[in-house]
Protein backbone atom coordinates (compact mmCIF):
# COMPACT_ATOMS: atom_id res chain seq x y z
CA VAL A 1 69.43 23.76 -70.45
CA PHE A 2 68.73 27.18 -68.45
CA GLY A 3 66.89 29.27 -70.41
CA LEU A 4 65.10 27.21 -72.76
CA GLY A 5 61.18 26.90 -72.05
CA VAL A 6 60.04 22.80 -70.62
CA GLU A 7 59.59 21.74 -74.22
CA ASP A 8 62.84 22.20 -75.64
CA ALA A 9 64.26 21.44 -72.17
CA VAL A 10 63.51 18.05 -72.67
CA ALA A 11 64.37 17.68 -76.40
CA THR A 12 68.21 19.46 -75.26
CA LEU A 13 68.49 17.02 -72.50
CA ALA A 14 67.50 13.88 -74.07
CA GLU A 15 69.40 14.88 -77.86
CA ARG A 16 72.76 16.64 -76.66
CA TYR A 17 73.16 14.34 -73.43
CA GLY A 18 71.22 11.02 -74.38
CA ILE A 19 69.10 11.34 -70.86
CA GLY A 20 66.36 9.30 -71.73
CA GLY A 21 63.05 8.77 -70.26
CA LEU A 22 61.72 11.84 -70.50
CA GLU A 23 58.53 12.54 -71.22
CA PHE A 24 56.66 16.73 -71.28
CA LEU A 25 53.14 16.50 -69.23
CA PRO A 26 51.37 19.20 -70.52
CA PRO A 27 48.23 20.26 -67.85
CA ALA A 28 45.77 18.43 -69.40
CA ARG A 29 47.74 14.98 -69.52
CA LEU A 30 49.88 15.84 -66.00
CA THR A 31 46.85 15.31 -63.61
CA ASP A 32 46.87 11.52 -64.23
CA TRP A 33 49.59 11.76 -62.12
CA VAL A 34 49.70 14.65 -59.82
CA ARG A 35 46.82 16.83 -58.70
CA ALA A 36 48.67 19.78 -57.08
CA GLU A 37 47.20 23.17 -57.28
CA GLY A 38 49.20 26.33 -58.76
CA LEU A 39 50.80 22.99 -61.39
CA PHE A 40 50.36 23.88 -65.02
CA GLY A 41 52.67 21.70 -66.38
CA GLY A 42 55.89 19.02 -66.30
CA VAL A 43 58.74 16.07 -67.44
CA LEU A 44 58.29 12.58 -66.94
CA HIS A 45 61.74 10.82 -66.40
CA ARG A 46 60.29 7.41 -66.47
CA GLU A 47 63.92 6.41 -65.74
CA SER A 48 64.36 7.74 -61.98
CA GLY A 49 62.73 6.47 -59.29
CA SER A 50 63.43 7.65 -55.80
CA LEU A 51 65.05 5.10 -52.26
CA ASN A 52 65.14 5.44 -48.29
CA PRO A 53 68.32 7.47 -48.00
CA LEU A 54 68.80 6.30 -44.49
CA ALA A 55 68.59 2.04 -45.61
CA TYR A 56 71.24 3.07 -48.46
CA ALA A 57 73.46 4.44 -46.12
CA ARG A 58 73.43 2.33 -43.56
CA GLY A 59 74.00 -0.40 -46.39
CA LEU A 60 76.23 1.07 -47.79
CA ALA A 61 78.41 1.12 -44.30
CA ARG A 62 77.51 -2.82 -44.01
CA ALA A 63 79.78 -2.95 -47.69
CA ALA A 64 82.49 -1.05 -46.01
CA GLU A 65 82.56 -2.99 -42.85
CA ALA A 66 82.45 -5.87 -45.26
CA ALA A 67 85.25 -4.13 -47.03
CA GLY A 68 87.38 -4.15 -44.11
CA ALA A 69 86.94 -0.14 -43.14
CA GLN A 70 86.06 1.05 -39.70
CA ILE A 71 83.24 3.47 -39.11
CA PHE A 72 83.78 5.94 -36.36
CA GLU A 73 81.07 7.61 -35.45
CA ARG A 74 80.46 11.28 -32.91
CA SER A 75 83.81 11.42 -33.87
CA ARG A 76 83.53 14.96 -34.86
CA VAL A 77 86.63 16.58 -36.86
CA ALA A 78 88.17 20.18 -35.36
CA VAL A 79 91.05 20.20 -36.98
CA VAL A 80 92.25 19.47 -40.69
CA GLU A 81 96.23 19.60 -41.07
CA PRO A 82 97.90 19.56 -44.39
CA GLY A 83 101.03 17.14 -44.49
CA THR A 84 103.74 19.82 -44.41
CA VAL A 85 106.23 18.12 -47.43
CA ALA A 86 103.89 16.73 -50.72
CA LEU A 87 104.90 12.30 -50.47
CA THR A 88 106.53 11.24 -54.08
CA GLU A 89 105.41 8.29 -55.60
CA GLY A 90 107.36 5.53 -54.12
CA ALA A 91 108.45 7.09 -51.56
CA ALA A 92 109.20 6.15 -47.34
CA PRO A 93 105.51 7.48 -45.67
CA HIS A 94 106.98 10.27 -43.09
CA PRO A 95 105.23 11.81 -40.58
CA ARG A 96 105.24 15.06 -41.75
CA THR A 97 103.36 13.83 -45.73
CA ARG A 98 100.64 13.22 -43.39
CA ALA A 99 97.69 14.76 -42.69
CA ARG A 100 96.17 14.96 -38.74
CA LEU A 101 92.73 14.69 -38.44
CA VAL A 102 92.35 16.53 -35.23
CA THR A 103 88.92 15.72 -32.61
CA ALA A 104 88.09 15.87 -29.05
CA GLU A 105 89.22 12.49 -28.10
CA GLY A 106 92.35 12.35 -29.48
CA SER A 107 94.33 12.53 -33.79
CA VAL A 108 94.35 10.08 -36.62
CA SER A 109 97.07 11.01 -39.32
CA ALA A 110 97.29 9.06 -42.72
CA ASP A 111 98.84 8.98 -46.92
CA ARG A 112 95.53 10.18 -47.89
CA VAL A 113 92.20 12.00 -47.16
CA ILE A 114 88.97 12.72 -48.89
CA LEU A 115 86.34 15.39 -46.75
CA CYS A 116 83.02 14.06 -47.74
CA LEU A 117 81.43 17.66 -46.47
CA GLY A 118 78.28 18.71 -47.64
CA GLY A 119 76.87 21.14 -45.23
CA TYR A 120 78.68 20.12 -42.08
CA HIS A 121 82.08 21.75 -42.87
CA ASP A 122 82.42 23.59 -39.92
CA GLY A 123 85.24 25.29 -41.66
CA LEU A 124 87.57 22.70 -41.87
CA ALA A 125 88.74 23.37 -45.54
CA PRO A 126 88.34 27.19 -46.06
CA ASP A 127 88.68 27.22 -49.56
CA TYR A 128 85.79 24.27 -49.82
CA ALA A 129 83.57 26.72 -47.61
CA ALA A 130 84.36 29.61 -50.04
CA ARG A 131 81.93 28.04 -52.42
CA VAL A 132 79.89 26.33 -50.67
CA ALA A 133 77.52 27.40 -48.07
CA PRO A 134 74.60 25.74 -45.23
CA LEU A 135 71.26 25.43 -46.27
CA ARG A 136 68.66 24.13 -44.07
CA ALA A 137 65.67 22.04 -44.91
CA PHE A 138 62.64 20.51 -43.71
CA GLN A 139 60.91 17.46 -44.07
CA ILE A 140 57.39 16.10 -42.56
CA ALA A 141 55.46 12.38 -42.91
CA THR A 142 51.66 12.67 -42.89
CA GLU A 143 49.33 9.77 -41.33
CA PRO A 144 49.19 7.21 -43.59
CA LEU A 145 45.97 8.77 -46.38
CA GLY A 146 44.94 5.62 -47.71
CA ASP A 147 42.32 6.63 -50.62
CA ARG A 148 43.04 10.67 -50.75
CA LEU A 149 46.79 10.10 -50.99
CA ARG A 150 45.97 7.94 -54.67
CA ASP A 151 43.44 10.31 -55.12
CA LEU A 152 45.93 13.13 -55.29
CA MET A 153 48.80 11.74 -56.55
CA PRO A 154 47.40 8.66 -58.85
CA GLY A 155 50.60 8.26 -60.53
CA GLY A 156 52.15 7.49 -57.50
CA VAL A 157 55.78 9.01 -58.53
CA PRO A 158 58.01 11.54 -56.12
CA VAL A 159 57.34 14.85 -57.14
CA SER A 160 59.79 18.31 -57.26
CA ASP A 161 58.87 22.07 -58.84
CA SER A 162 60.73 24.31 -60.36
CA ARG A 163 60.21 27.28 -57.76
CA PHE A 164 63.20 28.60 -56.53
CA VAL A 165 61.87 27.63 -52.79
CA ILE A 166 61.65 24.51 -54.11
CA ASN A 167 59.15 21.69 -52.56
CA CYS A 168 59.87 18.27 -52.84
CA PHE A 169 56.90 14.87 -52.19
CA ARG A 170 56.17 10.96 -52.12
CA PRO A 171 53.99 8.87 -51.66
CA THR A 172 55.54 6.62 -48.98
CA PRO A 173 55.40 2.73 -49.45
CA ASP A 174 52.83 3.01 -45.79
CA GLY A 175 50.40 5.30 -47.46
CA ARG A 176 51.88 8.83 -45.96
CA LEU A 177 52.85 12.23 -47.77
CA LEU A 178 56.62 12.60 -47.88
CA PHE A 179 56.86 16.50 -47.98
CA GLY A 180 60.17 18.64 -47.72
CA GLY A 181 59.72 22.13 -47.82
CA GLY A 182 60.82 25.61 -46.83
CA GLU A 183 64.91 25.88 -46.43
CA THR A 184 66.41 29.30 -44.53
CA SER A 185 69.45 29.99 -43.95
CA ARG A 186 69.57 29.91 -40.48
CA PRO A 187 71.84 27.31 -38.76
CA ARG A 188 68.38 26.34 -36.49
CA GLY A 189 64.82 26.53 -35.90
CA PRO A 190 62.16 27.06 -36.94
CA GLY A 191 60.50 25.98 -33.62
CA ASP A 192 57.94 24.07 -34.73
CA ILE A 193 58.75 22.23 -38.55
CA ALA A 194 55.15 20.75 -38.96
CA GLU A 195 53.71 23.87 -39.41
CA ARG A 196 56.16 25.56 -41.36
CA VAL A 197 56.03 22.09 -43.80
CA ARG A 198 52.11 22.29 -43.41
CA ARG A 199 51.77 25.55 -44.54
CA ARG A 200 53.88 25.14 -47.86
CA MET A 201 51.73 21.22 -48.61
CA THR A 202 48.39 23.34 -48.19
CA ARG A 203 49.13 25.21 -50.33
CA LEU A 204 49.70 22.61 -53.07
CA PHE A 205 46.61 19.47 -51.26
CA PRO A 206 44.04 22.39 -49.47
CA SER A 207 41.87 18.85 -48.96
CA LEU A 208 45.35 18.11 -46.43
CA ALA A 209 44.18 20.47 -44.17
CA ASP A 210 43.17 19.16 -41.48
CA ILE A 211 45.17 15.63 -41.51
CA ARG A 212 47.75 15.15 -39.29
CA ILE A 213 51.18 14.73 -39.00
CA ASP A 214 52.66 12.27 -37.48
CA HIS A 215 56.96 12.97 -38.03
CA ALA A 216 59.20 16.44 -39.10
CA TRP A 217 62.78 16.58 -39.02
CA ALA A 218 65.25 18.89 -40.41
CA GLY A 219 69.00 18.63 -41.76
CA THR A 220 71.05 20.53 -43.39
CA LEU A 221 72.66 20.69 -46.42
CA GLY A 222 75.64 21.93 -48.65
CA ILE A 223 74.79 24.51 -51.60
CA SER A 224 77.42 25.96 -54.58
CA LEU A 225 77.05 28.81 -55.96
CA ASN A 226 74.97 27.87 -59.35
CA ARG A 227 74.72 24.09 -57.98
CA ALA A 228 77.34 21.61 -59.58
CA PRO A 229 79.24 19.86 -57.32
CA VAL A 230 82.38 21.09 -55.56
CA PHE A 231 86.01 18.88 -56.37
CA ARG A 232 88.37 20.62 -54.31
CA ARG A 233 92.21 19.05 -54.15
CA ILE A 234 93.25 20.64 -51.10
CA ALA A 235 97.03 19.30 -50.74
CA PRO A 236 98.39 16.50 -52.63
CA ARG A 237 96.80 14.22 -50.80
CA LEU A 238 93.75 15.93 -48.62
CA LEU A 239 90.61 16.20 -51.16
CA ALA A 240 87.56 17.51 -50.27
CA ILE A 241 83.83 16.85 -52.26
CA GLY A 242 80.59 18.29 -51.29
CA GLY A 243 77.80 21.37 -53.25
CA TRP A 244 75.57 18.26 -54.08
CA SER A 245 72.77 21.16 -53.86
CA GLY A 246 70.01 18.68 -52.23
CA SER A 247 71.16 16.31 -54.76
CA GLY A 248 73.34 13.87 -52.71
CA VAL A 249 71.79 10.48 -52.40
CA HIS A 250 73.20 10.06 -56.02
CA MET A 251 75.74 12.92 -56.68
CA ALA A 252 77.25 11.74 -53.31
CA SER A 253 77.65 8.48 -54.05
CA LEU A 254 79.32 9.14 -57.45
CA GLY A 255 81.81 11.62 -56.10
CA GLY A 256 82.85 9.58 -53.56
CA GLU A 257 83.50 7.07 -56.17
CA ILE A 258 86.32 9.62 -58.17
CA ALA A 259 87.23 10.63 -55.76
CA ALA A 260 88.52 6.95 -54.39
CA GLU A 261 89.79 6.91 -57.99
CA ALA A 262 91.91 9.66 -56.90
CA ILE A 263 93.71 9.11 -53.98
CA LEU A 264 94.85 5.27 -55.66
CA GLY A 265 96.22 6.61 -59.00
CA GLU A 266 93.66 7.55 -61.43
CA PRO A 267 92.59 11.02 -60.71
CA GLU A 268 91.69 11.48 -64.14
CA ARG A 269 87.70 11.60 -63.43
CA PHE A 270 88.64 13.68 -60.16
CA GLU A 271 90.43 16.30 -61.99
CA LEU A 272 87.59 16.79 -64.59
CA MET A 273 85.45 17.62 -61.95
CA ALA A 274 87.40 20.06 -60.37
CA ARG A 275 87.67 22.01 -63.58
CA ILE A 276 84.08 22.89 -63.42
CA PRO A 277 83.64 26.19 -62.27
CA SER A 278 82.53 26.34 -59.01
CA PRO A 279 82.65 30.26 -57.92
CA ALA A 280 82.90 31.63 -54.37
CA TYR A 281 80.22 33.03 -52.63
CA PRO A 282 80.38 37.52 -52.87
CA ALA A 283 79.31 37.44 -49.32
CA ARG A 284 82.12 36.02 -46.41
CA GLY A 285 82.07 35.85 -42.90
CA ARG A 286 79.26 37.37 -40.72
CA LEU A 287 77.81 38.75 -43.92
CA ARG A 288 77.23 35.00 -46.18
CA ARG A 289 74.51 34.51 -44.07
CA PRO A 290 72.12 37.60 -44.43
CA SER A 291 72.93 37.48 -48.01
CA MET A 292 71.67 34.27 -48.39
CA ALA A 293 68.72 35.42 -46.27
CA ALA A 294 68.08 37.86 -48.42
CA ALA A 295 68.08 35.58 -51.27
CA LEU A 296 65.94 33.15 -50.41
CA ALA A 297 63.04 35.92 -49.11
CA PHE A 298 63.70 37.30 -53.30
CA GLY A 299 63.27 33.71 -54.59
CA ALA A 300 59.95 33.20 -52.25
CA LEU A 301 58.92 36.64 -53.62
CA LYS A 302 58.95 35.42 -56.92
CA ASP A 303 57.52 32.80 -55.66
CA ARG A 304 54.48 33.61 -54.61
CA LEU A 305 54.33 36.14 -57.84
CA GLY A 306 54.62 33.82 -60.23
C-alpha cells in the first residue's frame, strides 16, 4: 500500500488482503479518539489491541518450560559454529554434523539451531547481519494522569503515527501515558532518556509539559532495509530469523512458529518467507552506523518540514 493515500490504503488492505476492522478517521472524527497536535487524520483498527510485552514473554517462558524446554539466561553466545557436514534424513548424528554454540562459560552442540536475533546479533551470522541493523529505541511512562489523560485520549486506544521517526503511545491500566519515540543508531545513550522522549511527547501534547516522568528505558530492535522480516538458512540445519523492524511482539511469535516447523521437517512456510526480498544494507562495517545516522537525520528533517 506504499504510495497510496490513507483512504485508498484502507480500501486496498480490506479488499486485496482481507484485513477487516479498518476505518478511516478524518480530522473531525479523529478527536473522538486522540487529541494531539499535528495529527490530520488516521486509521482505526478495531480488531487490534495491545498487551504487556514483559508479561507475555514470561508467559511464553512458562509455557516452554512446561513443555520441557530449558532456558539459560545471561549465557551470551560469542561464536556459532555450523556443522561441517550436512546431516541427511535418517542418518545417525555425527559430531561434525552438529552446530556448536560457544559462550564464556562453556558450549552446547545441537543437531538443529534457530538463531532468534532481532537487533542483538553481534555479528553471529554475517549473512543476517548484512540485512538487519540495530536501532536504539526509547520509552517513558508518566506519573498517573487521571482525567487529563482521558481528555487527551478519549478513545483509550494505542496510537502510532506515520512519521519517519515514529511516535507511539497508549494509556496504561493505572492511568499513565506510555510514550515511545526518538530512535537513534548510537549503541548507547542519550544520557537523559526521559528528557529526550519528553520533548517529543510535548510536541504532541503541550499541556503535559509539567508532568513527572516516573520511568524511562531503552532497548535495541532490528531494522531491515525494506522493513520486511528476515528469514535466512545459514546452514542446512542452522536458521536465523529477525528484522521485525519494531513489530516483534507479534511477528516474532509467528516467526518462531514458522522456524520451529522448518527444523521439524515442514519447511514450506519458512522457505516462503525466505523468498521475500531482504536486501543487504549498502554500507558495511564502520560505515553502517554513520549512514544510518544520516538517514535518521534526513527523515527527522522531513518530519519537521511536514
